[in-house]
Amino acid sequence: MKKLFYTFISIFAIMLLSSCNNKSNETYEFKPSLDTNTSCNLRVVGDYGNFEALEKEVEIFKDYYPNVRINYEKIDKYDENIVTVLNSSSKPNIFFSYSKYEESKDIMSHMEDLSDEKLNINIGCIKNNLIKKDKDNKVLMIPIFSRTYGMLVNETLFKKENINIPNNLNELMNICNSFKDKGYKSPMMGYTKDSKSVNSMLNTIAYPLFVLEIAKNKEALDLANNLDSRAGEYTKNALTVVKNLISNGYINIEECNTIKDNYEAVIMRFFEGDVPMMLCAADTVSGTKKREERSEAFSKSPFNYSYIPVPTTNEGGYFIDSPSVEFSVNKDCDNLDMTNEFMRFLISDKELNNMAAVKGLISPTKNSTDSIYNPFIKIPSERIISPEVIGIKDQLTKQIRIAAHKVGQGEITVDEAVNMYGTFA
């Protein structure tokens, strides 16, 4: 009985502690820790043309620190110039960072460890699968937005044709066939012209399937990251799905090639109302709301739409949960204390969810609230994959992207693409 009693007490204590931790995260409230009369300038640099979501957060921060000015600046050819910017006399305080920068010591050497307990930054509000630590167990980048791959679905069109939205690959093939029989030229569409675009429809289909193949296979992952030709075998299923969708007439490549870009043109084409499924990344979905009124066709005949995972496996669709933009703090900047204070303010459920809502992207928090991404948020954990955390490198993504493009455009066969892995440039 004593053992049972102490076991019960231990379990209860653990449950209580867990409950308190969750509660503290949900009710996190920022309180200034520095002199609120502090006057200084902070500089944020990135590759966005504009950053309205950040501007709104800056205005809120000014309620606490009215004399702190935070300016955002777009850097042209960001990847090429960020090292120069970091080493300049006018050093940025915060800068956009990406997993591919892990290959650059010149960039990584400037990053502050944001997991340092002295900073008191609420990293716990971020989904665990998005937080990546370096070999020294440091967190050098914090996700601000998350991205994924999926498809916009014209729900009104599905209802009109009495067709159910697909949940797995077999259903997807069947409903595409149904739409084709009803006279739809291309049941699935998307941007396909540029092999360099990560938002290409062909990459949207192939990349998640390739990631799925190597996610739990360390040997395959190493081969793929090292551009070993033997890794080509793991691309075969992904490329075969691409090929089958096209050869069956479910994707009309000629129709897709008329779409001029992977953002506005994709959205405006979808709003014409005759496309059942438009494949795209969440970055594209972020622009839909603002463009509803710009589309004459949508304004005249509005319809209900949603954004769901592409169901290209027997289990259904997968959530490739990946950071879209991450923030790093330049440890060599001026006013480092206030820079960290702003990061402490920003990294919370409330502020990150607000930013995601303004930007139209997925929030990286554990308590994401944007309804358009609910189909992804509800996906079971076994169907969520985070490429950066697994260790997928940028050169790997380039291989599957170009292979999918060439197979989709009919330039090479699936078998040729498999044998050419590691040679695509």
Protein backbone atom coordinates (compact mmCIF):
# COMPACT_ATOMS: atom_id res chain seq x y z
CA MET A 1 0.00 0.00 0.00
CA LYS A 2 2.88 2.35 0.82
CA LYS A 3 4.46 1.67 -2.57
CA LEU A 4 1.12 2.25 -4.27
CA PHE A 5 0.62 5.47 -2.31
CA TYR A 6 4.05 6.87 -3.19
CA THR A 7 3.61 5.82 -6.82
CA PHE A 8 0.32 7.72 -6.93
CA ILE A 9 1.92 10.78 -5.33
CA SER A 10 4.78 10.68 -7.85
CA ILE A 11 2.41 10.41 -10.81
CA PHE A 12 0.26 13.22 -9.43
CA ALA A 13 3.32 15.45 -8.94
CA ILE A 14 4.46 14.82 -12.51
CA MET A 15 0.98 15.56 -13.83
CA LEU A 16 0.80 18.74 -11.76
CA LEU A 17 4.21 19.89 -12.94
CA SER A 18 3.27 19.20 -16.55
CA SER A 19 0.02 21.08 -16.08
CA CYS A 20 1.87 24.05 -14.59
CA ASN A 21 4.38 24.09 -17.42
CA ASN A 22 1.61 24.08 -20.02
CA LYS A 23 -0.29 26.75 -18.15
CA SER A 24 2.76 28.99 -17.83
CA ASN A 25 3.29 28.74 -21.58
CA GLU A 26 -0.33 29.55 -22.39
CA THR A 27 -0.41 32.53 -20.00
CA TYR A 28 3.07 33.84 -20.76
CA GLU A 29 3.07 37.58 -20.33
CA PHE A 30 5.94 39.81 -21.31
CA LYS A 31 7.22 42.17 -18.64
CA PRO A 32 10.06 44.66 -19.30
CA SER A 33 13.37 43.78 -17.67
CA LEU A 34 15.33 46.85 -18.81
CA ASP A 35 14.94 50.57 -18.24
CA THR A 36 11.81 51.49 -20.22
CA ASN A 37 13.28 54.94 -20.94
CA THR A 38 16.12 53.39 -22.92
CA SER A 39 16.64 55.07 -26.29
CA CYS A 40 18.32 53.13 -29.11
CA ASN A 41 17.99 51.85 -32.68
CA LEU A 42 17.69 48.21 -33.71
CA ARG A 43 18.07 46.97 -37.27
CA VAL A 44 16.45 43.84 -38.70
CA VAL A 45 17.54 42.60 -42.15
CA GLY A 46 16.04 39.98 -44.42
CA ASP A 47 14.89 39.14 -47.93
CA TYR A 48 11.21 40.11 -47.65
CA GLY A 49 10.16 43.05 -49.83
CA ASN A 50 8.06 44.33 -46.93
CA PHE A 51 7.33 43.04 -43.47
CA GLU A 52 4.00 44.36 -42.23
CA ALA A 53 3.69 41.59 -39.65
CA LEU A 54 6.92 42.68 -37.97
CA GLU A 55 5.93 46.35 -38.15
CA LYS A 56 2.79 45.59 -36.12
CA GLU A 57 4.85 43.84 -33.46
CA VAL A 58 7.26 46.79 -33.33
CA GLU A 59 4.33 49.10 -32.59
CA ILE A 60 3.23 46.87 -29.71
CA PHE A 61 6.80 46.73 -28.36
CA LYS A 62 6.87 50.54 -28.32
CA ASP A 63 4.14 50.45 -25.65
CA TYR A 64 6.85 49.03 -23.37
CA TYR A 65 9.85 50.87 -24.79
CA PRO A 66 8.63 54.06 -26.50
CA ASN A 67 12.14 55.29 -27.33
CA VAL A 68 13.37 52.13 -29.04
CA ARG A 69 13.23 52.31 -32.83
CA ILE A 70 13.26 49.06 -34.79
CA ASN A 71 13.69 49.28 -38.55
CA TYR A 72 13.41 46.48 -41.10
CA GLU A 73 15.58 46.53 -44.23
CA LYS A 74 15.43 44.28 -47.29
CA ILE A 75 18.84 43.18 -48.52
CA ASP A 76 19.15 42.57 -52.27
CA LYS A 77 20.60 39.17 -53.19
CA TYR A 78 20.34 38.28 -49.54
CA ASP A 79 22.20 34.95 -49.60
CA GLU A 80 25.12 36.49 -51.45
CA ASN A 81 25.37 39.63 -49.34
CA ILE A 82 24.47 38.61 -45.78
CA VAL A 83 28.10 37.92 -44.78
CA THR A 84 29.15 41.38 -45.97
CA VAL A 85 26.22 42.95 -44.10
CA LEU A 86 27.09 41.11 -40.88
CA ASN A 87 30.70 42.28 -41.09
CA SER A 88 29.85 45.88 -41.98
CA SER A 89 30.23 48.83 -39.61
CA SER A 90 26.43 49.11 -39.47
CA LYS A 91 25.85 45.65 -38.05
CA PRO A 92 22.26 44.35 -37.98
CA ASN A 93 20.82 43.27 -34.65
CA ILE A 94 18.55 40.54 -36.02
CA PHE A 95 18.80 38.78 -39.37
CA PHE A 96 16.85 36.19 -41.35
CA SER A 97 18.55 32.81 -41.14
CA TYR A 98 18.04 29.52 -42.94
CA SER A 99 19.23 25.95 -42.36
CA LYS A 100 21.46 26.13 -45.44
CA TYR A 101 23.60 28.67 -43.58
CA GLU A 102 24.90 25.85 -41.39
CA GLU A 103 27.45 25.27 -44.12
CA SER A 104 28.82 28.82 -43.67
CA LYS A 105 31.12 29.49 -40.70
CA ASP A 106 31.16 33.16 -41.68
CA ILE A 107 27.43 33.39 -40.93
CA MET A 108 27.15 30.93 -38.04
CA SER A 109 29.98 32.61 -36.13
CA HIS A 110 27.82 35.71 -35.69
CA MET A 111 24.85 33.87 -34.15
CA GLU A 112 24.05 34.16 -30.47
CA ASP A 113 22.93 31.12 -28.47
CA LEU A 114 19.24 31.90 -27.95
CA SER A 115 18.78 28.95 -25.60
CA ASP A 116 21.04 30.56 -22.99
CA GLU A 117 18.96 30.56 -19.79
CA LYS A 118 20.19 34.07 -18.93
CA LEU A 119 18.24 35.42 -21.93
CA ASN A 120 14.96 33.93 -20.64
CA ILE A 121 13.58 33.56 -24.19
CA ASN A 122 10.44 31.40 -24.23
CA ILE A 123 11.66 28.81 -26.75
CA GLY A 124 9.25 26.32 -25.18
CA CYS A 125 6.34 27.89 -27.08
CA ILE A 126 7.85 26.66 -30.37
CA LYS A 127 7.03 23.15 -31.62
CA ASN A 128 9.81 20.77 -30.62
CA ASN A 129 10.13 19.38 -34.13
CA LEU A 130 11.08 22.83 -35.45
CA ILE A 131 13.84 23.57 -32.95
CA LYS A 132 17.23 22.49 -34.15
CA LYS A 133 20.32 22.48 -31.96
CA ASP A 134 23.91 22.53 -33.17
CA LYS A 135 26.61 20.08 -32.12
CA ASP A 136 27.15 22.09 -28.93
CA ASN A 137 23.44 21.92 -28.05
CA LYS A 138 22.93 25.61 -28.84
CA VAL A 139 19.85 27.11 -30.52
CA LEU A 140 21.14 29.63 -33.03
CA MET A 141 17.97 30.08 -35.09
CA ILE A 142 14.36 30.43 -33.92
CA PRO A 143 11.51 29.79 -36.41
CA ILE A 144 9.24 32.78 -36.92
CA PHE A 145 7.05 31.21 -39.60
CA SER A 146 6.56 27.62 -40.72
CA ARG A 147 5.94 26.36 -44.25
CA THR A 148 4.68 23.18 -45.82
CA TYR A 149 3.50 21.72 -49.12
CA GLY A 150 -0.12 21.00 -49.98
CA MET A 151 -2.98 21.92 -52.28
CA LEU A 152 -5.74 24.49 -52.41
CA VAL A 153 -9.08 22.71 -52.84
CA ASN A 154 -12.14 24.31 -54.40
CA GLU A 155 -14.69 22.88 -51.97
CA THR A 156 -17.63 24.44 -53.81
CA LEU A 157 -16.59 22.71 -57.03
CA PHE A 158 -16.28 19.35 -55.29
CA LYS A 159 -19.77 19.79 -53.84
CA LYS A 160 -21.21 20.85 -57.19
CA GLU A 161 -19.86 17.73 -58.90
CA ASN A 162 -20.83 15.49 -55.95
CA ILE A 163 -17.22 14.37 -55.47
CA ASN A 164 -15.59 13.80 -52.09
CA ILE A 165 -12.27 15.42 -51.20
CA PRO A 166 -9.58 12.65 -51.30
CA ASN A 167 -7.93 11.22 -48.18
CA ASN A 168 -5.34 8.89 -49.76
CA LEU A 169 -3.58 8.19 -53.06
CA ASN A 170 -6.18 5.74 -54.38
CA GLU A 171 -8.99 8.23 -53.71
CA LEU A 172 -6.94 11.00 -55.32
CA MET A 173 -6.55 8.99 -58.51
CA ASN A 174 -10.25 8.13 -58.56
CA ILE A 175 -11.49 11.69 -58.04
CA CYS A 176 -9.05 13.01 -60.65
CA ASN A 177 -10.50 10.49 -63.07
CA SER A 178 -14.02 11.63 -62.16
CA PHE A 179 -13.18 15.27 -62.81
CA LYS A 180 -11.50 14.34 -66.07
CA ASP A 181 -14.62 12.42 -67.17
CA LYS A 182 -16.69 15.51 -66.39
CA GLY A 183 -14.59 17.57 -68.82
CA TYR A 184 -12.04 19.22 -66.53
CA LYS A 185 -8.88 19.79 -68.54
CA SER A 186 -6.49 19.51 -65.60
CA PRO A 187 -7.98 18.34 -62.28
CA MET A 188 -4.69 19.24 -60.60
CA MET A 189 -2.67 22.33 -61.48
CA GLY A 190 0.26 24.37 -60.21
CA TYR A 191 3.38 26.25 -61.25
CA THR A 192 5.72 24.02 -63.25
CA LYS A 193 7.97 26.15 -65.48
CA ASP A 194 11.04 26.74 -63.29
CA SER A 195 13.18 23.84 -62.08
CA LYS A 196 14.75 26.14 -59.45
CA SER A 197 11.46 26.90 -57.70
CA VAL A 198 10.90 25.04 -54.43
CA ASN A 199 7.25 26.04 -54.83
CA SER A 200 6.91 24.18 -58.12
CA MET A 201 3.91 21.84 -58.24
CA LEU A 202 6.18 18.97 -59.30
CA ASN A 203 8.42 19.51 -56.27
CA THR A 204 5.33 19.81 -54.06
CA ILE A 205 4.43 16.25 -55.05
CA ALA A 206 7.89 14.69 -55.14
CA TYR A 207 9.77 16.29 -52.26
CA PRO A 208 7.54 15.07 -49.39
CA LEU A 209 7.53 11.54 -50.81
CA PHE A 210 11.32 11.51 -51.10
CA VAL A 211 11.70 12.87 -47.56
CA LEU A 212 9.35 10.14 -46.36
CA GLU A 213 11.54 7.45 -47.99
CA ILE A 214 14.74 8.55 -46.25
CA ALA A 215 13.41 10.02 -42.99
CA LYS A 216 13.86 6.78 -41.03
CA ASN A 217 16.80 5.39 -42.96
CA LYS A 218 20.12 6.85 -41.78
CA GLU A 219 22.11 5.13 -44.52
CA ALA A 220 19.78 6.45 -47.23
CA LEU A 221 19.90 9.95 -45.73
CA ASP A 222 23.70 9.96 -45.71
CA LEU A 223 23.84 8.73 -49.31
CA ALA A 224 21.35 11.37 -50.42
CA ASN A 225 23.09 14.23 -48.58
CA ASN A 226 26.44 13.17 -50.04
CA LEU A 227 24.95 13.11 -53.56
CA ASP A 228 25.81 9.44 -53.91
CA SER A 229 24.21 8.02 -57.06
CA ARG A 230 22.93 5.03 -55.05
CA ALA A 231 20.46 7.38 -53.34
CA GLY A 232 18.65 7.72 -56.65
CA GLU A 233 16.76 4.52 -55.91
CA TYR A 234 14.96 6.32 -53.07
CA THR A 235 13.58 8.91 -55.49
CA LYS A 236 11.87 6.32 -57.67
CA ASN A 237 8.51 6.18 -55.89
CA ALA A 238 8.23 9.98 -55.72
CA LEU A 239 9.06 10.41 -59.40
CA THR A 240 6.73 7.56 -60.39
CA VAL A 241 3.79 9.28 -58.66
CA VAL A 242 4.62 12.49 -60.56
CA LYS A 243 4.80 10.59 -63.85
CA ASN A 244 1.55 8.68 -63.25
CA LEU A 245 -0.45 11.80 -62.42
CA ILE A 246 0.69 13.36 -65.68
CA SER A 247 0.43 10.30 -67.94
CA ASN A 248 -3.11 9.62 -66.70
CA GLY A 249 -4.10 13.14 -67.68
CA TYR A 250 -4.75 14.28 -64.11
CA ILE A 251 -2.14 17.02 -64.55
CA ASN A 252 -2.03 18.81 -67.89
CA ILE A 253 1.53 20.10 -68.10
CA GLU A 254 0.78 22.41 -71.04
CA GLU A 255 -2.01 24.07 -69.05
CA CYS A 256 0.23 24.36 -66.01
CA ASN A 257 3.05 25.89 -68.05
CA THR A 258 0.80 28.87 -68.83
CA ILE A 259 1.03 29.95 -65.17
CA LYS A 260 3.73 32.62 -65.09
CA ASP A 261 4.87 32.56 -61.47
CA ASN A 262 4.53 30.49 -58.31
CA TYR A 263 2.71 33.14 -56.29
CA GLU A 264 0.23 35.65 -57.67
CA ALA A 265 -0.34 33.84 -60.97
CA VAL A 266 -1.08 30.57 -59.13
CA ILE A 267 -3.60 32.29 -56.85
CA MET A 268 -5.33 34.20 -59.63
CA ARG A 269 -5.58 31.07 -61.79
CA PHE A 270 -7.14 29.15 -58.91
CA PHE A 271 -9.65 31.96 -58.37
CA GLU A 272 -10.93 31.47 -61.93
CA GLY A 273 -12.99 28.73 -60.29
CA ASP A 274 -12.48 25.84 -62.72
CA VAL A 275 -9.49 24.19 -61.01
CA PRO A 276 -10.45 21.52 -58.46
CA MET A 277 -6.97 21.30 -56.88
CA MET A 278 -4.09 23.78 -57.08
CA LEU A 279 -0.81 22.49 -55.69
CA CYS A 280 1.42 25.03 -53.95
CA ALA A 281 3.46 25.77 -50.86
CA ALA A 282 2.09 27.61 -47.84
CA ASP A 283 4.10 30.66 -48.95
CA THR A 284 1.67 30.98 -51.86
CA VAL A 285 -1.40 30.38 -49.70
CA SER A 286 -0.34 33.34 -47.57
CA GLY A 287 -1.40 35.66 -50.39
CA THR A 288 -4.89 34.29 -51.06
CA LYS A 289 -6.98 36.50 -48.76
CA LYS A 290 -5.52 39.74 -50.08
CA ARG A 291 -6.22 38.68 -53.66
CA GLU A 292 -9.83 37.56 -53.36
CA GLU A 293 -11.12 41.05 -54.16
CA ARG A 294 -8.49 41.54 -56.90
CA SER A 295 -9.85 38.59 -58.86
CA GLU A 296 -12.77 39.61 -61.04
CA ALA A 297 -13.81 35.98 -61.43
CA PHE A 298 -13.75 35.29 -57.68
CA SER A 299 -15.59 38.53 -56.91
CA LYS A 300 -18.38 37.56 -59.29
CA SER A 301 -18.54 33.92 -58.20
CA PRO A 302 -16.88 33.43 -54.81
CA PHE A 303 -16.36 29.89 -53.57
CA ASN A 304 -15.23 28.07 -50.44
CA TYR A 305 -11.69 26.75 -50.46
CA SER A 306 -9.28 25.10 -48.07
CA TYR A 307 -5.62 24.08 -47.97
CA ILE A 308 -4.88 20.41 -47.30
CA PRO A 309 -1.96 17.96 -47.49
CA VAL A 310 -1.57 16.24 -50.86
CA PRO A 311 -2.72 12.64 -50.21
CA THR A 312 0.00 10.87 -52.19
CA THR A 313 0.36 7.80 -49.93
CA ASN A 314 -2.00 5.05 -48.82
CA GLU A 315 -2.00 6.57 -45.33
CA GLY A 316 -2.89 10.03 -46.64
CA GLY A 317 -1.04 13.32 -46.79
CA TYR A 318 2.03 14.26 -44.78
CA PHE A 319 2.84 17.51 -43.00
CA ILE A 320 6.36 18.48 -44.05
CA ASP A 321 6.76 20.95 -41.18
CA SER A 322 9.66 23.20 -41.97
CA PRO A 323 10.73 26.72 -40.93
CA SER A 324 9.95 29.34 -43.53
CA VAL A 325 11.91 32.15 -41.88
CA GLU A 326 14.08 31.98 -38.78
CA PHE A 327 15.53 34.83 -36.74
CA SER A 328 19.08 34.91 -35.46
CA VAL A 329 20.60 37.53 -33.19
CA ASN A 330 23.93 39.02 -34.21
CA LYS A 331 26.00 38.62 -31.06
CA ASP A 332 28.39 41.31 -32.29
CA CYS A 333 25.72 44.01 -32.68
CA ASP A 334 25.25 47.22 -30.72
CA ASN A 335 22.49 47.29 -28.08
CA LEU A 336 22.58 43.51 -27.64
CA ASP A 337 20.62 43.67 -24.37
CA MET A 338 17.69 45.46 -26.03
CA THR A 339 17.91 43.13 -29.02
CA ASN A 340 17.45 40.15 -26.72
CA GLU A 341 14.65 41.98 -24.93
CA PHE A 342 12.79 42.34 -28.22
CA MET A 343 13.33 38.65 -28.98
CA ARG A 344 12.00 37.78 -25.51
CA PHE A 345 8.91 39.85 -26.30
CA LEU A 346 8.43 38.34 -29.76
CA ILE A 347 8.89 34.65 -28.98
CA SER A 348 5.52 33.82 -27.46
CA ASP A 349 2.30 32.16 -28.59
CA LYS A 350 0.49 35.47 -28.73
CA GLU A 351 2.98 37.50 -30.77
CA LEU A 352 4.06 34.73 -33.15
CA ASN A 353 0.45 33.75 -33.80
CA ASN A 354 -0.38 37.41 -34.47
CA MET A 355 2.51 37.67 -36.92
CA ALA A 356 1.48 34.48 -38.71
CA ALA A 357 -2.10 35.74 -39.02
CA VAL A 358 -0.94 39.00 -40.59
CA LYS A 359 1.53 37.29 -42.92
CA GLY A 360 -0.84 34.41 -43.73
CA LEU A 361 1.74 31.73 -42.94
CA ILE A 362 1.76 28.87 -40.45
CA SER A 363 2.71 29.81 -36.91
CA PRO A 364 5.59 27.73 -35.48
CA THR A 365 3.99 27.64 -32.03
CA LYS A 366 2.52 24.64 -30.26
CA ASN A 367 -0.77 26.56 -30.05
CA SER A 368 -1.13 27.68 -33.65
CA THR A 369 -4.52 29.30 -34.32
CA ASP A 370 -4.87 29.98 -38.08
CA SER A 371 -7.91 28.06 -39.32
CA ILE A 372 -6.83 27.71 -42.98
CA TYR A 373 -4.01 25.42 -41.82
CA ASN A 374 -6.18 23.30 -39.51
CA PRO A 375 -5.96 20.21 -41.80
CA PHE A 376 -2.18 20.24 -41.20
CA ILE A 377 -2.37 21.00 -37.50
CA LYS A 378 -4.73 18.03 -37.04
CA ILE A 379 -2.43 15.53 -38.77
CA PRO A 380 -1.23 12.78 -36.38
CA SER A 381 2.36 13.04 -35.21
CA GLU A 382 3.46 9.95 -37.14
CA ARG A 383 2.71 11.83 -40.36
CA ILE A 384 4.66 14.97 -39.46
CA ILE A 385 8.22 15.25 -40.77
CA SER A 386 10.66 18.09 -40.13
CA PRO A 387 13.44 17.91 -42.75
CA GLU A 388 15.87 20.32 -41.06
CA VAL A 389 15.71 18.46 -37.75
CA ILE A 390 16.21 15.11 -39.50
CA GLY A 391 19.32 16.51 -41.15
CA ILE A 392 18.30 16.97 -44.78
CA LYS A 393 20.75 19.24 -46.60
CA ASP A 394 20.06 21.83 -49.27
CA GLN A 395 21.91 19.95 -52.03
CA LEU A 396 19.57 16.97 -51.53
CA THR A 397 16.46 19.11 -52.05
CA LYS A 398 17.97 20.44 -55.27
CA GLN A 399 18.38 16.94 -56.69
CA ILE A 400 14.76 15.86 -56.20
CA ARG A 401 13.44 19.25 -57.32
CA ILE A 402 15.27 19.18 -60.65
CA ALA A 403 14.60 15.47 -61.20
CA ALA A 404 10.85 16.00 -60.66
CA HIS A 405 10.89 18.94 -63.06
CA LYS A 406 12.66 17.02 -65.83
CA VAL A 407 10.46 13.94 -65.43
CA GLY A 408 7.32 16.06 -65.29
CA GLN A 409 8.25 18.01 -68.40
CA GLY A 410 9.03 14.78 -70.26
CA GLU A 411 12.74 15.58 -70.67
CA ILE A 412 13.89 12.32 -69.06
CA THR A 413 12.33 9.05 -67.83
CA VAL A 414 11.98 8.02 -64.20
CA ASP A 415 14.75 5.43 -64.57
CA GLU A 416 17.08 8.00 -66.14
CA ALA A 417 16.40 10.41 -63.29
CA VAL A 418 17.10 7.67 -60.73
CA ASN A 419 20.48 6.95 -62.37
CA MET A 420 21.35 10.64 -62.62
CA TYR A 421 20.97 11.41 -58.89
CA GLY A 422 23.82 13.61 -57.72
CA THR A 423 24.47 15.13 -61.14
CA PHE A 424 21.65 17.66 -61.36
CA ALA A 425 22.89 21.24 -61.27
